[in-house]
Amino acid sequence: MLEYSVVFHRASGGKDGNAKGNTIDEIFVVPVCSILSITPRAYLDFLLEAGALHRAADVVAAANLRRRDTAAAETLRREVRSILTAAEVDALTPPLPPIAW
């Protein structure tokens, strides 16, 4: 079992919203224990291929991280971990054969 840190950040542009002058406004870190013993890069590739990283990013994007609510932040971390863990379980669980009635 390995531990990874999945880091989400929101950036805002400069005065005119262009890419130059981007600053990171918010960072949200989710420690994740994975049953996949692979490199961090391979884990990132896996999460991207499974679509889990995009689903988790959507959940984080919808959250109001500006509040200093530790209970809400922990709930959000659990939700993100659930999404990432489900992707691992789906990848490691073989599909069930059709049931013949």
Protein backbone atom coordinates (compact mmCIF):
# COMPACT_ATOMS: atom_id res chain seq x y z
CA MET A 1 0.00 0.00 0.00
CA LEU A 2 1.31 3.43 -0.93
CA GLU A 3 0.26 6.90 0.11
CA TYR A 4 -0.13 9.65 -2.45
CA SER A 5 -1.12 13.27 -2.06
CA VAL A 6 -3.59 14.47 -4.65
CA VAL A 7 -3.39 18.25 -4.88
CA PHE A 8 -6.13 20.42 -6.37
CA HIS A 9 -5.62 24.11 -6.93
CA ARG A 10 -7.62 26.98 -8.29
CA ALA A 11 -5.82 29.78 -10.04
CA SER A 12 -7.06 33.20 -10.98
CA GLY A 13 -5.71 35.35 -13.75
CA GLY A 14 -4.32 38.83 -13.52
CA LYS A 15 -6.48 41.93 -13.91
CA ASP A 16 -7.55 40.98 -17.42
CA GLY A 17 -7.91 37.24 -16.63
CA ASN A 18 -5.05 36.18 -18.90
CA ALA A 19 -2.69 33.33 -18.10
CA LYS A 20 0.15 35.69 -17.30
CA GLY A 21 0.16 36.63 -13.68
CA ASN A 22 -1.83 33.58 -12.54
CA THR A 23 -1.74 33.15 -8.82
CA ILE A 24 -2.91 30.16 -6.85
CA ASP A 25 -5.87 31.22 -4.76
CA GLU A 26 -6.72 27.91 -3.14
CA ILE A 27 -4.97 24.60 -2.60
CA PHE A 28 -6.77 21.48 -1.40
CA VAL A 29 -4.70 18.39 -0.56
CA VAL A 30 -6.15 14.92 -0.20
CA PRO A 31 -3.90 12.18 1.21
CA VAL A 32 -4.84 8.87 -0.42
CA CYS A 33 -3.75 5.36 0.50
CA SER A 34 -3.72 3.19 -2.59
CA ILE A 35 -3.58 -0.55 -3.00
CA LEU A 36 -1.83 0.02 -6.33
CA SER A 37 1.93 -0.16 -5.84
CA ILE A 38 2.89 2.04 -8.77
CA THR A 39 4.87 5.21 -9.29
CA PRO A 40 3.20 8.57 -8.65
CA ARG A 41 3.18 9.26 -12.41
CA ALA A 42 1.56 5.90 -13.16
CA TYR A 43 -1.03 6.60 -10.44
CA LEU A 44 -1.81 9.96 -12.02
CA ASP A 45 -2.14 8.33 -15.45
CA PHE A 46 -4.43 5.67 -13.97
CA LEU A 47 -6.68 8.29 -12.34
CA LEU A 48 -6.87 10.25 -15.59
CA GLU A 49 -7.66 7.16 -17.71
CA ALA A 50 -10.32 6.01 -15.25
CA GLY A 51 -11.91 9.46 -15.26
CA ALA A 52 -11.67 9.55 -11.47
CA LEU A 53 -9.45 12.61 -11.33
CA HIS A 54 -11.89 14.63 -13.42
CA ARG A 55 -14.85 13.49 -11.29
CA ALA A 56 -12.96 14.39 -8.11
CA ALA A 57 -11.91 17.75 -9.56
CA ASP A 58 -15.54 18.52 -10.37
CA VAL A 59 -16.52 17.80 -6.75
CA VAL A 60 -13.71 20.00 -5.43
CA ALA A 61 -14.54 22.77 -7.92
CA ALA A 62 -18.14 22.85 -6.68
CA ALA A 63 -17.05 23.17 -3.05
CA ASN A 64 -16.67 26.47 -1.27
CA LEU A 65 -13.09 26.24 -0.06
CA ARG A 66 -12.96 29.82 1.11
CA ARG A 67 -14.82 28.95 4.29
CA ARG A 68 -12.56 27.85 7.10
CA ASP A 69 -14.78 24.90 7.96
CA THR A 70 -12.59 21.94 8.90
CA ALA A 71 -15.54 19.54 9.12
CA ALA A 72 -16.64 20.43 5.58
CA ALA A 73 -13.05 20.07 4.33
CA GLU A 74 -12.76 16.62 5.89
CA THR A 75 -16.08 15.59 4.36
CA LEU A 76 -14.82 16.78 0.97
CA ARG A 77 -11.59 14.78 1.45
CA ARG A 78 -13.63 11.66 2.21
CA GLU A 79 -15.74 12.20 -0.89
CA VAL A 80 -12.64 12.58 -3.08
CA ARG A 81 -11.03 9.49 -1.52
CA SER A 82 -14.23 7.57 -2.20
CA ILE A 83 -14.13 8.51 -5.89
CA LEU A 84 -10.46 7.54 -6.23
CA THR A 85 -10.85 4.28 -4.29
CA ALA A 86 -13.89 3.29 -6.35
CA ALA A 87 -11.79 3.68 -9.51
CA GLU A 88 -9.20 1.27 -8.07
CA VAL A 89 -11.85 -1.26 -7.07
CA ASP A 90 -13.46 -1.04 -10.51
CA ALA A 91 -10.09 -1.56 -12.19
CA LEU A 92 -9.22 -4.58 -10.05
CA THR A 93 -12.61 -6.29 -10.02
CA PRO A 94 -13.28 -8.53 -12.98
CA PRO A 95 -16.69 -8.12 -14.60
CA LEU A 96 -19.26 -10.70 -13.54
CA PRO A 97 -20.32 -13.21 -16.16
CA PRO A 98 -23.91 -12.96 -17.41
CA ILE A 99 -26.44 -14.93 -15.41
CA ALA A 100 -28.10 -17.72 -17.38
CA TRP A 101 -31.67 -18.21 -16.22
